[in-house]
Every structure is written in C-alpha cells, then in structure tokens.
Amino acid sequence: MDIILKERGHGKTTNLICMSAQTGIPIVSMQPQYIIELAEKLHVQIPRPISTQELQGMAEKPQAIYVDELSVVLKKLLGSSVAGFTDTL
C-alpha cells in the first residue's frame, strides 16, 4: 500500500495521478472531474476516475483502487468522520 502524506496544495493528487498512469489502477475521488482535468493538464492517460457514489453502486468493484483524500472519501462512504485508524501493510 502506498501512502502519500503532504499538506494541501503540495502535489498529493498529482502523485496519485502519476501512479495511476503507471499502474492502471483507477482513482476514487469526491471530485472525479478534477482528476480528469488534472491528468489532461499533466498529459497522462489514466483509467476513468470513480466517484464515491459510483463505487457504492458498483456490483463488481475494481480489484484495487487509489483513494484521493482518504478522510473525505471515508466520511462519505461511512457517514461519519474518521477520528483515527490503524492498518496492516
């Protein structure tokens, strides 16, 4: 699992787009249109980004995804703010 931690405006989404272009793994985002526009600006081709709403309705989910702004996406999917988390690599 790749984790990108940076302040707002310091290239997190750009990094994620470059990773998506290299791996073919789609990005889940609250703002998929922004992802598309930034990828075009960067002149890279990525799989079509997926909105959180679309992800929830998918019968067959992608095998792997990148998530742009994890806390925002989790809040949307879970209906609660995430105060903290653990994970296993």
PDB file of N, CA and C in Angstrom:
ATOM      1  N   MET A   1       0.853  -1.174   0.000  1.00  0.00           N
ATOM      2  CA  MET A   1       0.000   0.000   0.000  1.00  0.00           C
ATOM      3  C   MET A   1       0.896   1.233   0.000  1.00  0.00           C
ATOM      4  N   ASP A   2       0.620   2.146  -0.903  1.00  0.00           N
ATOM      5  CA  ASP A   2       1.339   3.414  -0.970  1.00  0.00           C
ATOM      6  C   ASP A   2       0.557   4.464  -0.195  1.00  0.00           C
ATOM      7  N   ILE A   3       1.256   5.251   0.608  1.00  0.00           N
ATOM      8  CA  ILE A   3       0.627   6.327   1.369  1.00  0.00           C
ATOM      9  C   ILE A   3       1.338   7.627   1.040  1.00  0.00           C
ATOM     10  N   ILE A   4       0.565   8.627   0.629  1.00  0.00           N
ATOM     11  CA  ILE A   4       1.114   9.946   0.310  1.00  0.00           C
ATOM     12  C   ILE A   4       0.562  10.929   1.334  1.00  0.00           C
ATOM     13  N   LEU A   5       1.428  11.469   2.163  1.00  0.00           N
ATOM     14  CA  LEU A   5       1.032  12.446   3.178  1.00  0.00           C
ATOM     15  C   LEU A   5       1.757  13.757   2.911  1.00  0.00           C
ATOM     16  N   LYS A   6       1.016  14.773   2.554  1.00  0.00           N
ATOM     17  CA  LYS A   6       1.569  16.103   2.299  1.00  0.00           C
ATOM     18  C   LYS A   6       0.493  17.122   2.640  1.00  0.00           C
ATOM     19  N   GLU A   7       0.907  18.356   2.830  1.00  0.00           N
ATOM     20  CA  GLU A   7      -0.035  19.446   3.056  1.00  0.00           C
ATOM     21  C   GLU A   7      -0.851  19.696   1.791  1.00  0.00           C
ATOM     22  N   ARG A   8      -2.011  20.343   1.956  1.00  0.00           N
ATOM     23  CA  ARG A   8      -2.865  20.716   0.829  1.00  0.00           C
ATOM     24  C   ARG A   8      -2.062  21.583  -0.150  1.00  0.00           C
ATOM     25  N   GLY A   9      -2.192  21.252  -1.441  1.00  0.00           N
ATOM     26  CA  GLY A   9      -1.520  22.032  -2.484  1.00  0.00           C
ATOM     27  C   GLY A   9      -0.078  21.657  -2.727  1.00  0.00           C
ATOM     28  N   HIS A  10       0.365  20.519  -2.208  1.00  0.00           N
ATOM     29  CA  HIS A  10       1.763  20.112  -2.376  1.00  0.00           C
ATOM     30  C   HIS A  10       1.939  18.867  -3.244  1.00  0.00           C
ATOM     31  N   GLY A  11       0.943  18.539  -4.082  1.00  0.00           N
ATOM     32  CA  GLY A  11       1.136  17.521  -5.103  1.00  0.00           C
ATOM     33  C   GLY A  11       0.639  16.122  -4.806  1.00  0.00           C
ATOM     34  N   LYS A  12      -0.193  15.948  -3.781  1.00  0.00           N
ATOM     35  CA  LYS A  12      -0.693  14.601  -3.483  1.00  0.00           C
ATOM     36  C   LYS A  12      -1.474  14.014  -4.658  1.00  0.00           C
ATOM     37  N   THR A  13      -2.416  14.787  -5.175  1.00  0.00           N
ATOM     38  CA  THR A  13      -3.249  14.298  -6.281  1.00  0.00           C
ATOM     39  C   THR A  13      -2.418  14.095  -7.536  1.00  0.00           C
ATOM     40  N   THR A  14      -1.478  14.982  -7.782  1.00  0.00           N
ATOM     41  CA  THR A  14      -0.578  14.826  -8.931  1.00  0.00           C
ATOM     42  C   THR A  14       0.198  13.523  -8.808  1.00  0.00           C
ATOM     43  N   ASN A  15       0.737  13.243  -7.604  1.00  0.00           N
ATOM     44  CA  ASN A  15       1.454  11.981  -7.385  1.00  0.00           C
ATOM     45  C   ASN A  15       0.553  10.785  -7.655  1.00  0.00           C
ATOM     46  N   LEU A  16      -0.681  10.861  -7.164  1.00  0.00           N
ATOM     47  CA  LEU A  16      -1.635   9.765  -7.335  1.00  0.00           C
ATOM     48  C   LEU A  16      -1.962   9.544  -8.808  1.00  0.00           C
ATOM     49  N   ILE A  17      -2.129  10.618  -9.554  1.00  0.00           N
ATOM     50  CA  ILE A  17      -2.405  10.515 -10.994  1.00  0.00           C
ATOM     51  C   ILE A  17      -1.236   9.841 -11.708  1.00  0.00           C
ATOM     52  N   CYS A  18      -0.011  10.211 -11.356  1.00  0.00           N
ATOM     53  CA  CYS A  18       1.163   9.580 -11.983  1.00  0.00           C
ATOM     54  C   CYS A  18       1.220   8.091 -11.647  1.00  0.00           C
ATOM     55  N   MET A  19       0.892   7.742 -10.412  1.00  0.00           N
ATOM     56  CA  MET A  19       0.867   6.326 -10.019  1.00  0.00           C
ATOM     57  C   MET A  19      -0.212   5.578 -10.795  1.00  0.00           C
ATOM     58  N   SER A  20      -1.377   6.195 -10.951  1.00  0.00           N
ATOM     59  CA  SER A  20      -2.469   5.577 -11.696  1.00  0.00           C
ATOM     60  C   SER A  20      -2.081   5.366 -13.157  1.00  0.00           C
ATOM     61  N   ALA A  21      -1.392   6.347 -13.728  1.00  0.00           N
ATOM     62  CA  ALA A  21      -0.951   6.230 -15.123  1.00  0.00           C
ATOM     63  C   ALA A  21       0.036   5.078 -15.282  1.00  0.00           C
ATOM     64  N   GLN A  22       0.885   4.871 -14.291  1.00  0.00           N
ATOM     65  CA  GLN A  22       1.893   3.805 -14.362  1.00  0.00           C
ATOM     66  C   GLN A  22       1.299   2.420 -14.124  1.00  0.00           C
ATOM     67  N   THR A  23       0.317   2.330 -13.229  1.00  0.00           N
ATOM     68  CA  THR A  23      -0.191   1.018 -12.818  1.00  0.00           C
ATOM     69  C   THR A  23      -1.508   0.607 -13.461  1.00  0.00           C
ATOM     70  N   GLY A  24      -2.269   1.598 -13.949  1.00  0.00           N
ATOM     71  CA  GLY A  24      -3.591   1.301 -14.493  1.00  0.00           C
ATOM     72  C   GLY A  24      -4.650   1.135 -13.417  1.00  0.00           C
ATOM     73  N   ILE A  25      -4.329   1.491 -12.176  1.00  0.00           N
ATOM     74  CA  ILE A  25      -5.285   1.390 -11.071  1.00  0.00           C
ATOM     75  C   ILE A  25      -6.116   2.668 -11.036  1.00  0.00           C
ATOM     76  N   PRO A  26      -7.454   2.562 -10.999  1.00  0.00           N
ATOM     77  CA  PRO A  26      -8.295   3.765 -11.001  1.00  0.00           C
ATOM     78  C   PRO A  26      -8.267   4.502  -9.660  1.00  0.00           C
ATOM     79  N   ILE A  27      -8.616   5.790  -9.712  1.00  0.00           N
ATOM     80  CA  ILE A  27      -8.665   6.645  -8.532  1.00  0.00           C
ATOM     81  C   ILE A  27     -10.113   6.864  -8.130  1.00  0.00           C
ATOM     82  N   VAL A  28     -10.408   6.664  -6.844  1.00  0.00           N
ATOM     83  CA  VAL A  28     -11.716   7.004  -6.291  1.00  0.00           C
ATOM     84  C   VAL A  28     -11.584   8.385  -5.676  1.00  0.00           C
ATOM     85  N   SER A  29     -12.524   9.268  -6.018  1.00  0.00           N
ATOM     86  CA  SER A  29     -12.439  10.656  -5.576  1.00  0.00           C
ATOM     87  C   SER A  29     -13.825  11.259  -5.431  1.00  0.00           C
ATOM     88  N   MET A  30     -13.936  12.232  -4.545  1.00  0.00           N
ATOM     89  CA  MET A  30     -15.168  13.007  -4.440  1.00  0.00           C
ATOM     90  C   MET A  30     -15.295  13.951  -5.634  1.00  0.00           C
ATOM     91  N   GLN A  31     -14.171  14.203  -6.321  1.00  0.00           N
ATOM     92  CA  GLN A  31     -14.152  15.125  -7.458  1.00  0.00           C
ATOM     93  C   GLN A  31     -13.493  14.472  -8.676  1.00  0.00           C
ATOM     94  N   PRO A  32     -14.156  13.471  -9.266  1.00  0.00           N
ATOM     95  CA  PRO A  32     -13.532  12.779 -10.398  1.00  0.00           C
ATOM     96  C   PRO A  32     -13.247  13.690 -11.590  1.00  0.00           C
ATOM     97  N   GLN A  33     -14.075  14.698 -11.806  1.00  0.00           N
ATOM     98  CA  GLN A  33     -13.838  15.610 -12.936  1.00  0.00           C
ATOM     99  C   GLN A  33     -12.528  16.371 -12.750  1.00  0.00           C
ATOM    100  N   TYR A  34     -12.222  16.746 -11.525  1.00  0.00           N
ATOM    101  CA  TYR A  34     -10.951  17.423 -11.238  1.00  0.00           C
ATOM    102  C   TYR A  34      -9.777  16.498 -11.566  1.00  0.00           C
ATOM    103  N   ILE A  35      -9.905  15.228 -11.235  1.00  0.00           N
ATOM    104  CA  ILE A  35      -8.855  14.244 -11.530  1.00  0.00           C
ATOM    105  C   ILE A  35      -8.647  14.153 -13.044  1.00  0.00           C
ATOM    106  N   ILE A  36      -9.737  14.090 -13.789  1.00  0.00           N
ATOM    107  CA  ILE A  36      -9.659  14.016 -15.252  1.00  0.00           C
ATOM    108  C   ILE A  36      -8.953  15.245 -15.813  1.00  0.00           C
ATOM    109  N   GLU A  37      -9.362  16.421 -15.355  1.00  0.00           N
ATOM    110  CA  GLU A  37      -8.782  17.672 -15.862  1.00  0.00           C
ATOM    111  C   GLU A  37      -7.300  17.786 -15.516  1.00  0.00           C
ATOM    112  N   LEU A  38      -6.918  17.381 -14.306  1.00  0.00           N
ATOM    113  CA  LEU A  38      -5.513  17.454 -13.918  1.00  0.00           C
ATOM    114  C   LEU A  38      -4.679  16.458 -14.719  1.00  0.00           C
ATOM    115  N   ALA A  39      -5.201  15.267 -14.958  1.00  0.00           N
ATOM    116  CA  ALA A  39      -4.482  14.276 -15.764  1.00  0.00           C
ATOM    117  C   ALA A  39      -4.260  14.805 -17.182  1.00  0.00           C
ATOM    118  N   GLU A  40      -5.281  15.454 -17.745  1.00  0.00           N
ATOM    119  CA  GLU A  40      -5.140  16.042 -19.081  1.00  0.00           C
ATOM    120  C   GLU A  40      -4.060  17.132 -19.070  1.00  0.00           C
ATOM    121  N   LYS A  41      -4.073  17.951 -18.046  1.00  0.00           N
ATOM    122  CA  LYS A  41      -3.080  19.027 -17.913  1.00  0.00           C
ATOM    123  C   LYS A  41      -1.667  18.450 -17.791  1.00  0.00           C
ATOM    124  N   LEU A  42      -1.552  17.308 -17.138  1.00  0.00           N
ATOM    125  CA  LEU A  42      -0.260  16.647 -16.965  1.00  0.00           C
ATOM    126  C   LEU A  42       0.130  15.799 -18.180  1.00  0.00           C
ATOM    127  N   HIS A  43      -0.792  15.686 -19.150  1.00  0.00           N
ATOM    128  CA  HIS A  43      -0.576  14.902 -20.369  1.00  0.00           C
ATOM    129  C   HIS A  43      -0.309  13.434 -20.070  1.00  0.00           C
ATOM    130  N   VAL A  44      -1.108  12.882 -19.139  1.00  0.00           N
ATOM    131  CA  VAL A  44      -1.016  11.446 -18.844  1.00  0.00           C
ATOM    132  C   VAL A  44      -2.387  10.812 -19.007  1.00  0.00           C
ATOM    133  N   GLN A  45      -2.385   9.549 -19.361  1.00  0.00           N
ATOM    134  CA  GLN A  45      -3.636   8.808 -19.506  1.00  0.00           C
ATOM    135  C   GLN A  45      -3.809   7.908 -18.294  1.00  0.00           C
ATOM    136  N   ILE A  46      -4.996   7.985 -17.708  1.00  0.00           N
ATOM    137  CA  ILE A  46      -5.322   7.192 -16.534  1.00  0.00           C
ATOM    138  C   ILE A  46      -6.667   6.502 -16.760  1.00  0.00           C
ATOM    139  N   PRO A  47      -6.937   5.449 -16.001  1.00  0.00           N
ATOM    140  CA  PRO A  47      -8.291   4.880 -16.061  1.00  0.00           C
ATOM    141  C   PRO A  47      -9.297   5.934 -15.597  1.00  0.00           C
ATOM    142  N   ARG A  48     -10.520   5.828 -16.054  1.00  0.00           N
ATOM    143  CA  ARG A  48     -11.548   6.795 -15.666  1.00  0.00           C
ATOM    144  C   ARG A  48     -11.703   6.802 -14.148  1.00  0.00           C
ATOM    145  N   PRO A  49     -11.578   7.974 -13.514  1.00  0.00           N
ATOM    146  CA  PRO A  49     -11.775   8.054 -12.065  1.00  0.00           C
ATOM    147  C   PRO A  49     -13.198   7.659 -11.681  1.00  0.00           C
ATOM    148  N   ILE A  50     -13.349   7.186 -10.460  1.00  0.00           N
ATOM    149  CA  ILE A  50     -14.630   6.701  -9.955  1.00  0.00           C
ATOM    150  C   ILE A  50     -15.074   7.589  -8.800  1.00  0.00           C
ATOM    151  N   SER A  51     -16.322   8.027  -8.837  1.00  0.00           N
ATOM    152  CA  SER A  51     -16.858   8.807  -7.720  1.00  0.00           C
ATOM    153  C   SER A  51     -17.228   7.852  -6.586  1.00  0.00           C
ATOM    154  N   THR A  52     -17.335   8.401  -5.376  1.00  0.00           N
ATOM    155  CA  THR A  52     -17.733   7.563  -4.243  1.00  0.00           C
ATOM    156  C   THR A  52     -19.128   6.995  -4.459  1.00  0.00           C
ATOM    157  N   GLN A  53     -20.009   7.790  -5.024  1.00  0.00           N
ATOM    158  CA  GLN A  53     -21.376   7.334  -5.286  1.00  0.00           C
ATOM    159  C   GLN A  53     -21.369   6.176  -6.284  1.00  0.00           C
ATOM    160  N   GLU A  54     -20.561   6.310  -7.320  1.00  0.00           N
ATOM    161  CA  GLU A  54     -20.468   5.246  -8.320  1.00  0.00           C
ATOM    162  C   GLU A  54     -19.889   3.974  -7.699  1.00  0.00           C
ATOM    163  N   LEU A  55     -18.866   4.131  -6.871  1.00  0.00           N
ATOM    164  CA  LEU A  55     -18.247   2.973  -6.230  1.00  0.00           C
ATOM    165  C   LEU A  55     -19.260   2.211  -5.381  1.00  0.00           C
ATOM    166  N   GLN A  56     -20.087   2.947  -4.638  1.00  0.00           N
ATOM    167  CA  GLN A  56     -21.086   2.310  -3.791  1.00  0.00           C
ATOM    168  C   GLN A  56     -22.075   1.489  -4.607  1.00  0.00           C
ATOM    169  N   GLY A  57     -22.387   1.939  -5.815  1.00  0.00           N
ATOM    170  CA  GLY A  57     -23.376   1.253  -6.632  1.00  0.00           C
ATOM    171  C   GLY A  57     -22.828   0.171  -7.539  1.00  0.00           C
ATOM    172  N   MET A  58     -21.520   0.005  -7.566  1.00  0.00           N
ATOM    173  CA  MET A  58     -20.911  -0.972  -8.472  1.00  0.00           C
ATOM    174  C   MET A  58     -21.135  -2.395  -7.967  1.00  0.00           C
ATOM    175  N   ALA A  59     -21.680  -3.236  -8.829  1.00  0.00           N
ATOM    176  CA  ALA A  59     -21.852  -4.643  -8.482  1.00  0.00           C
ATOM    177  C   ALA A  59     -20.498  -5.339  -8.463  1.00  0.00           C
ATOM    178  N   GLU A  60     -19.646  -4.980  -9.399  1.00  0.00           N
ATOM    179  CA  GLU A  60     -18.314  -5.569  -9.493  1.00  0.00           C
ATOM    180  C   GLU A  60     -17.281  -4.467  -9.288  1.00  0.00           C
ATOM    181  N   LYS A  61     -16.644  -4.485  -8.144  1.00  0.00           N
ATOM    182  CA  LYS A  61     -15.676  -3.449  -7.782  1.00  0.00           C
ATOM    183  C   LYS A  61     -14.315  -3.744  -8.414  1.00  0.00           C
ATOM    184  N   PRO A  62     -13.516  -2.691  -8.654  1.00  0.00           N
ATOM    185  CA  PRO A  62     -12.152  -2.919  -9.152  1.00  0.00           C
ATOM    186  C   PRO A  62     -11.357  -3.732  -8.131  1.00  0.00           C
ATOM    187  N   GLN A  63     -10.376  -4.470  -8.601  1.00  0.00           N
ATOM    188  CA  GLN A  63      -9.554  -5.289  -7.718  1.00  0.00           C
ATOM    189  C   GLN A  63      -8.724  -4.412  -6.779  1.00  0.00           C
ATOM    190  N   ALA A  64      -8.285  -3.261  -7.266  1.00  0.00           N
ATOM    191  CA  ALA A  64      -7.502  -2.317  -6.469  1.00  0.00           C
ATOM    192  C   ALA A  64      -7.918  -0.902  -6.865  1.00  0.00           C
ATOM    193  N   ILE A  65      -7.799   0.026  -5.923  1.00  0.00           N
ATOM    194  CA  ILE A  65      -8.092   1.434  -6.192  1.00  0.00           C
ATOM    195  C   ILE A  65      -7.084   2.302  -5.453  1.00  0.00           C
ATOM    196  N   TYR A  66      -6.907   3.514  -5.957  1.00  0.00           N
ATOM    197  CA  TYR A  66      -6.242   4.576  -5.214  1.00  0.00           C
ATOM    198  C   TYR A  66      -7.355   5.483  -4.713  1.00  0.00           C
ATOM    199  N   VAL A  67      -7.174   6.081  -3.546  1.00  0.00           N
ATOM    200  CA  VAL A  67      -8.179   6.975  -2.981  1.00  0.00           C
ATOM    201  C   VAL A  67      -7.562   8.354  -2.825  1.00  0.00           C
ATOM    202  N   ASP A  68      -8.189   9.357  -3.420  1.00  0.00           N
ATOM    203  CA  ASP A  68      -7.759  10.737  -3.271  1.00  0.00           C
ATOM    204  C   ASP A  68      -8.514  11.345  -2.094  1.00  0.00           C
ATOM    205  N   GLU A  69      -7.785  11.873  -1.128  1.00  0.00           N
ATOM    206  CA  GLU A  69      -8.358  12.454   0.101  1.00  0.00           C
ATOM    207  C   GLU A  69      -9.133  11.400   0.892  1.00  0.00           C
ATOM    208  N   LEU A  70      -8.407  10.459   1.456  1.00  0.00           N
ATOM    209  CA  LEU A  70      -8.987   9.315   2.159  1.00  0.00           C
ATOM    210  C   LEU A  70     -10.015   9.707   3.211  1.00  0.00           C
ATOM    211  N   SER A  71      -9.715  10.690   4.049  1.00  0.00           N
ATOM    212  CA  SER A  71     -10.646  11.034   5.129  1.00  0.00           C
ATOM    213  C   SER A  71     -11.977  11.544   4.587  1.00  0.00           C
ATOM    214  N   VAL A  72     -11.937  12.283   3.483  1.00  0.00           N
ATOM    215  CA  VAL A  72     -13.169  12.802   2.874  1.00  0.00           C
ATOM    216  C   VAL A  72     -13.975  11.653   2.264  1.00  0.00           C
ATOM    217  N   VAL A  73     -13.302  10.758   1.570  1.00  0.00           N
ATOM    218  CA  VAL A  73     -13.978   9.619   0.943  1.00  0.00           C
ATOM    219  C   VAL A  73     -14.561   8.689   2.018  1.00  0.00           C
ATOM    220  N   LEU A  74     -13.799   8.416   3.066  1.00  0.00           N
ATOM    221  CA  LEU A  74     -14.321   7.564   4.135  1.00  0.00           C
ATOM    222  C   LEU A  74     -15.540   8.186   4.807  1.00  0.00           C
ATOM    223  N   LYS A  75     -15.501   9.487   5.049  1.00  0.00           N
ATOM    224  CA  LYS A  75     -16.652  10.156   5.662  1.00  0.00           C
ATOM    225  C   LYS A  75     -17.884   9.989   4.787  1.00  0.00           C
ATOM    226  N   LYS A  76     -17.722  10.125   3.475  1.00  0.00           N
ATOM    227  CA  LYS A  76     -18.838   9.967   2.540  1.00  0.00           C
ATOM    228  C   LYS A  76     -19.359   8.524   2.553  1.00  0.00           C
ATOM    229  N   LEU A  77     -18.449   7.566   2.520  1.00  0.00           N
ATOM    230  CA  LEU A  77     -18.854   6.162   2.461  1.00  0.00           C
ATOM    231  C   LEU A  77     -19.416   5.652   3.786  1.00  0.00           C
ATOM    232  N   LEU A  78     -18.852   6.126   4.898  1.00  0.00           N
ATOM    233  CA  LEU A  78     -19.249   5.615   6.209  1.00  0.00           C
ATOM    234  C   LEU A  78     -20.302   6.466   6.907  1.00  0.00           C
ATOM    235  N   GLY A  79     -20.417   7.715   6.495  1.00  0.00           N
ATOM    236  CA  GLY A  79     -21.383   8.603   7.119  1.00  0.00           C
ATOM    237  C   GLY A  79     -20.916   9.204   8.423  1.00  0.00           C
ATOM    238  N   SER A  80     -19.645   9.030   8.763  1.00  0.00           N
ATOM    239  CA  SER A  80     -19.069   9.577   9.992  1.00  0.00           C
ATOM    240  C   SER A  80     -17.645  10.046   9.711  1.00  0.00           C
ATOM    241  N   SER A  81     -17.208  11.052  10.446  1.00  0.00           N
ATOM    242  CA  SER A  81     -15.798  11.450  10.361  1.00  0.00           C
ATOM    243  C   SER A  81     -14.942  10.372  10.997  1.00  0.00           C
ATOM    244  N   VAL A  82     -13.778  10.138  10.433  1.00  0.00           N
ATOM    245  CA  VAL A  82     -12.852   9.145  10.968  1.00  0.00           C
ATOM    246  C   VAL A  82     -11.893   9.871  11.905  1.00  0.00           C
ATOM    247  N   ALA A  83     -11.931   9.524  13.181  1.00  0.00           N
ATOM    248  CA  ALA A  83     -11.082  10.179  14.180  1.00  0.00           C
ATOM    249  C   ALA A  83      -9.674   9.580  14.207  1.00  0.00           C
ATOM    250  N   GLY A  84      -9.524   8.388  13.711  1.00  0.00           N
ATOM    251  CA  GLY A  84      -8.232   7.728  13.665  1.00  0.00           C
ATOM    252  C   GLY A  84      -8.378   6.352  13.039  1.00  0.00           C
ATOM    253  N   PHE A  85      -7.264   5.735  12.738  1.00  0.00           N
ATOM    254  CA  PHE A  85      -7.333   4.402  12.144  1.00  0.00           C
ATOM    255  C   PHE A  85      -6.013   3.682  12.314  1.00  0.00           C
ATOM    256  N   THR A  86      -6.067   2.381  12.164  1.00  0.00           N
ATOM    257  CA  THR A  86      -4.870   1.559  12.074  1.00  0.00           C
ATOM    258  C   THR A  86      -4.966   0.808  10.750  1.00  0.00           C
ATOM    259  N   ASP A  87      -3.867   0.258  10.330  1.00  0.00           N
ATOM    260  CA  ASP A  87      -3.882  -0.541   9.117  1.00  0.00           C
ATOM    261  C   ASP A  87      -2.702  -1.506   9.184  1.00  0.00           C
ATOM    262  N   THR A  88      -2.785  -2.535   8.384  1.00  0.00           N
ATOM    263  CA  THR A  88      -1.718  -3.513   8.282  1.00  0.00           C
ATOM    264  C   THR A  88      -1.187  -3.510   6.869  1.00  0.00           C
ATOM    265  N   LEU A  89       0.112  -3.437   6.721  1.00  0.00           N
ATOM    266  CA  LEU A  89       0.715  -3.475   5.390  1.00  0.00           C
ATOM    267  C   LEU A  89       0.920  -4.888   4.941  1.00  0.00           C
TER     268      LEU A  89
END
